[in-house]
Amino acid sequence: MAIIRNREQQRRVSRYKLKDKKIIIYKGTSTVNQNGYTIMTYTPIHSGKLWAYVRQTSGGEFYAAMAQHVKEEMLFVVNWRADLDLSAAQSYFIEYKGTWYDVQRVDTYEGYKEDIQLYACSMKTPT
């Protein structure tokens, strides 16, 4: 086992997550059809599928979110993407293994441009 020499190496090793699952991130936009009804359309923000680290939120994370009246069930970690608008987190949706997730919060991990953490809750079907 290699000895970790400085804090930067230690930070990278401790935050290492294996991105071995495939997801699709969609941006939802609401439009009005010819009858005047509002409909949601989902457009992928990338071509193909993205590699991501995926896990359920821990008990502590789940209850901390519930204390703020937010429901977070899953954590998706992807590589940094400039095409994600971090201020509009609620307009993104994730499809993973046929299940849709509504993104509740985006965390850039202290502003570093390495990983983006997307906290989401499951949806029965896209609206």
Protein backbone atom coordinates (compact mmCIF):
# COMPACT_ATOMS: atom_id res chain seq x y z
CA MET A 1 0.00 0.00 0.00
CA ALA A 2 1.37 3.39 -1.01
CA ILE A 3 1.94 6.07 1.59
CA ILE A 4 -0.09 9.21 1.01
CA ARG A 5 2.38 12.10 0.96
CA ASN A 6 0.26 15.27 1.03
CA ARG A 7 -3.25 16.51 1.77
CA GLU A 8 -4.25 16.77 -1.89
CA GLN A 9 -3.54 13.09 -2.47
CA GLN A 10 -5.34 12.21 0.75
CA ARG A 11 -8.42 14.22 -0.28
CA ARG A 12 -8.58 12.50 -3.66
CA VAL A 13 -8.20 9.02 -2.20
CA SER A 14 -10.84 9.58 0.48
CA ARG A 15 -13.34 10.97 -2.06
CA TYR A 16 -12.76 8.31 -4.70
CA LYS A 17 -15.99 6.75 -5.90
CA LEU A 18 -16.23 4.12 -8.61
CA LYS A 19 -18.47 5.41 -11.39
CA ASP A 20 -19.71 2.09 -12.72
CA LYS A 21 -23.43 2.71 -13.40
CA LYS A 22 -25.03 4.29 -16.47
CA ILE A 23 -27.58 7.12 -16.15
CA ILE A 24 -29.29 9.66 -18.40
CA ILE A 25 -29.82 13.24 -17.19
CA TYR A 26 -32.81 15.05 -18.67
CA LYS A 27 -33.74 18.70 -18.54
CA GLY A 28 -37.47 19.24 -18.15
CA THR A 29 -39.11 22.23 -19.78
CA SER A 30 -42.75 23.13 -19.62
CA THR A 31 -44.44 24.29 -22.79
CA VAL A 32 -48.02 25.15 -23.69
CA ASN A 33 -49.68 23.08 -26.42
CA GLN A 34 -52.19 24.32 -29.00
CA ASN A 35 -55.10 23.66 -26.59
CA GLY A 36 -53.58 25.85 -23.87
CA TYR A 37 -52.48 23.01 -21.59
CA THR A 38 -49.04 22.97 -20.01
CA ILE A 39 -47.01 19.88 -20.87
CA MET A 40 -43.54 18.79 -19.76
CA THR A 41 -40.96 17.76 -22.31
CA TYR A 42 -37.76 15.93 -21.34
CA THR A 43 -34.58 16.43 -23.34
CA PRO A 44 -31.29 14.64 -22.57
CA ILE A 45 -28.49 17.10 -21.86
CA HIS A 46 -25.89 14.70 -23.30
CA SER A 47 -25.63 12.05 -25.97
CA GLY A 48 -25.65 8.45 -24.80
CA LYS A 49 -25.39 7.55 -21.13
CA LEU A 50 -23.15 8.94 -18.39
CA TRP A 51 -21.03 6.92 -16.00
CA ALA A 52 -22.06 7.64 -12.39
CA TYR A 53 -21.54 6.50 -8.83
CA VAL A 54 -24.98 5.59 -7.48
CA ARG A 55 -26.13 4.77 -3.97
CA GLN A 56 -29.08 5.24 -1.68
CA THR A 57 -28.72 8.06 0.81
CA SER A 58 -27.67 7.00 4.30
CA GLY A 59 -30.03 7.26 7.24
CA GLY A 60 -28.32 10.42 8.48
CA GLU A 61 -28.53 12.09 5.05
CA PHE A 62 -32.16 11.04 4.64
CA TYR A 63 -33.28 12.42 8.01
CA ALA A 64 -31.21 15.61 7.60
CA ALA A 65 -33.05 16.26 4.33
CA MET A 66 -36.42 15.49 5.94
CA ALA A 67 -35.65 18.07 8.65
CA GLN A 68 -35.52 20.65 5.85
CA HIS A 69 -38.75 19.24 4.31
CA VAL A 70 -36.92 17.80 1.31
CA LYS A 71 -37.12 14.20 0.21
CA GLU A 72 -33.80 12.72 -0.97
CA GLU A 73 -33.51 8.99 -1.61
CA MET A 74 -30.62 8.54 -4.05
CA LEU A 75 -27.21 10.06 -4.62
CA PHE A 76 -25.73 10.24 -8.12
CA VAL A 77 -22.13 11.42 -8.56
CA VAL A 78 -20.99 12.33 -12.08
CA ASN A 79 -17.91 14.03 -13.47
CA TRP A 80 -18.02 17.82 -13.73
CA ARG A 81 -20.27 19.04 -16.53
CA ALA A 82 -20.36 22.64 -17.72
CA ASP A 83 -23.78 22.09 -19.34
CA LEU A 84 -25.51 21.58 -15.95
CA ASP A 85 -27.16 24.79 -14.75
CA LEU A 86 -26.53 24.49 -11.02
CA SER A 87 -29.02 27.21 -10.11
CA ALA A 88 -31.92 25.29 -11.72
CA ALA A 89 -31.55 21.92 -9.97
CA GLN A 90 -35.29 21.21 -9.85
CA SER A 91 -35.53 21.23 -13.66
CA TYR A 92 -33.39 18.07 -14.00
CA PHE A 93 -34.47 14.45 -13.98
CA ILE A 94 -32.44 11.24 -14.00
CA GLU A 95 -33.30 7.88 -15.52
CA TYR A 96 -31.52 4.94 -13.91
CA LYS A 97 -32.46 1.31 -14.57
CA GLY A 98 -35.90 2.28 -15.88
CA THR A 99 -36.75 4.39 -12.80
CA TRP A 100 -37.08 8.16 -12.98
CA TYR A 101 -35.66 10.43 -10.28
CA ASP A 102 -36.46 14.09 -9.63
CA VAL A 103 -33.29 16.04 -8.74
CA GLN A 104 -33.78 17.95 -5.49
CA ARG A 105 -30.32 19.37 -4.86
CA VAL A 106 -26.96 19.73 -6.58
CA ASP A 107 -23.70 19.79 -4.62
CA THR A 108 -20.44 20.75 -6.33
CA TYR A 109 -18.30 19.72 -3.35
CA GLU A 110 -16.85 23.04 -2.22
CA GLY A 111 -16.70 24.49 -5.72
CA TYR A 112 -14.08 22.13 -7.12
CA LYS A 113 -14.63 21.23 -10.76
CA GLU A 114 -14.18 17.49 -10.27
CA ASP A 115 -17.47 15.83 -9.30
CA ILE A 116 -21.09 16.91 -9.10
CA GLN A 117 -23.38 15.23 -6.57
CA LEU A 118 -27.05 15.07 -7.52
CA TYR A 119 -29.50 14.24 -4.72
CA ALA A 120 -32.82 12.94 -6.02
CA CYS A 121 -36.08 11.23 -5.07
CA SER A 122 -37.90 8.62 -7.13
CA MET A 123 -40.90 9.32 -9.33
CA LYS A 124 -43.46 6.75 -10.43
CA THR A 125 -43.46 8.09 -13.98
CA PRO A 126 -42.39 11.32 -15.62
CA THR A 127 -45.14 13.92 -15.26
